[in-house]
Protein backbone atom coordinates (compact mmCIF):
# COMPACT_ATOMS: atom_id res chain seq x y z
CA MET A 1 18.58 16.64 4.42
CA THR A 2 18.86 17.27 0.69
CA ASP A 3 18.95 14.99 -2.31
CA ASP A 4 22.15 16.56 -3.66
CA ILE A 5 24.21 13.56 -2.62
CA TRP A 6 22.15 11.35 -4.96
CA ARG A 7 22.55 13.57 -8.03
CA ARG A 8 24.94 12.22 -10.64
CA ASP A 9 25.89 13.22 -14.15
CA GLU A 10 23.74 10.59 -15.85
CA VAL A 11 20.11 9.85 -16.66
CA GLU A 12 18.15 10.87 -13.56
CA SER A 13 15.77 8.46 -11.92
CA PRO A 14 12.08 9.20 -12.53
CA CYS A 15 11.37 8.38 -8.87
CA ILE A 16 9.10 10.91 -7.14
CA LYS A 17 9.18 9.10 -3.78
CA VAL A 18 5.62 7.79 -4.05
CA CYS A 19 6.50 4.11 -4.06
CA VAL A 20 3.34 2.01 -4.31
CA ILE A 21 3.11 -0.93 -6.70
CA HIS A 22 -0.23 -1.13 -8.51
CA PRO A 23 -1.59 -4.65 -7.89
CA GLU A 24 -2.78 -5.30 -11.45
CA ALA A 25 -0.40 -3.31 -13.64
CA ARG A 26 2.61 -4.24 -11.45
CA LEU A 27 4.00 -0.74 -11.96
CA CYS A 28 4.97 1.86 -9.39
CA THR A 29 2.17 4.42 -9.20
CA GLY A 30 4.73 7.18 -8.66
CA CYS A 31 7.31 6.65 -11.42
CA LEU A 32 5.54 4.01 -13.57
CA ARG A 33 8.55 1.69 -13.59
CA SER A 34 8.29 -2.05 -13.02
CA ILE A 35 9.88 -3.62 -9.95
CA ASP A 36 12.61 -5.07 -12.17
CA GLU A 37 13.36 -1.65 -13.67
CA ILE A 38 13.51 -0.08 -10.23
CA THR A 39 15.89 -2.70 -8.84
CA GLN A 40 18.13 -2.69 -11.94
CA TRP A 41 18.21 1.11 -12.39
CA SER A 42 21.61 1.68 -10.75
CA ARG A 43 23.17 -1.03 -12.94
CA MET A 44 21.53 0.00 -16.23
CA THR A 45 23.47 1.62 -19.02
CA PRO A 46 22.51 5.19 -19.92
CA GLU A 47 20.95 3.84 -23.14
CA ALA A 48 18.79 1.36 -21.22
CA ARG A 49 17.69 4.12 -18.85
CA ARG A 50 16.73 6.37 -21.77
CA THR A 51 14.68 3.53 -23.25
CA VAL A 52 12.78 3.13 -19.98
CA MET A 53 12.29 6.90 -19.68
CA GLU A 54 10.85 7.07 -23.20
CA ALA A 55 8.38 4.28 -22.40
CA LEU A 56 7.05 5.81 -19.16
CA PRO A 57 4.53 8.27 -20.69
CA LEU A 58 2.87 5.40 -22.55
CA ARG A 59 2.35 3.48 -19.30
CA SER A 60 0.18 6.03 -17.51
CA GLY A 61 -2.96 4.57 -19.10
CA GLN A 62 -2.22 1.18 -17.55
CA ILE A 63 -2.89 2.42 -14.03
CA THR A 64 -6.43 3.16 -13.01
CA LYS A 65 -7.26 5.05 -9.87
CA ARG A 66 -8.66 3.03 -7.02
CA ARG A 67 -12.34 3.49 -6.33
CA GLY A 68 -12.32 3.30 -2.60
CA GLY A 69 -11.23 5.02 0.51
CA ARG A 70 -12.72 8.09 2.12
CA ALA A 71 -13.81 9.82 -1.10
CA ALA A 72 -15.89 6.84 -2.18
CA ARG A 73 -17.56 6.57 1.21
CA LEU A 74 -18.47 10.27 1.28
CA ALA A 75 -20.03 10.09 -2.19
CA ARG A 76 -22.74 7.69 -1.03
């Protein structure tokens, strides 16, 4: 299956199909959008989408990597 059916002639979604909401920042760790932005995306105007897209690079500092899991256990 391809994603061609989802491609349209408008501002593309920044979704990278890694949909996990960071518990503190409340942003998707994949695309850095808020839940509200994700749910409203299909109804946003192209201008509103561009505004969100311009803000995304500034949000990357709001998400810190988790310090747990297998890597943390092996480091001990």
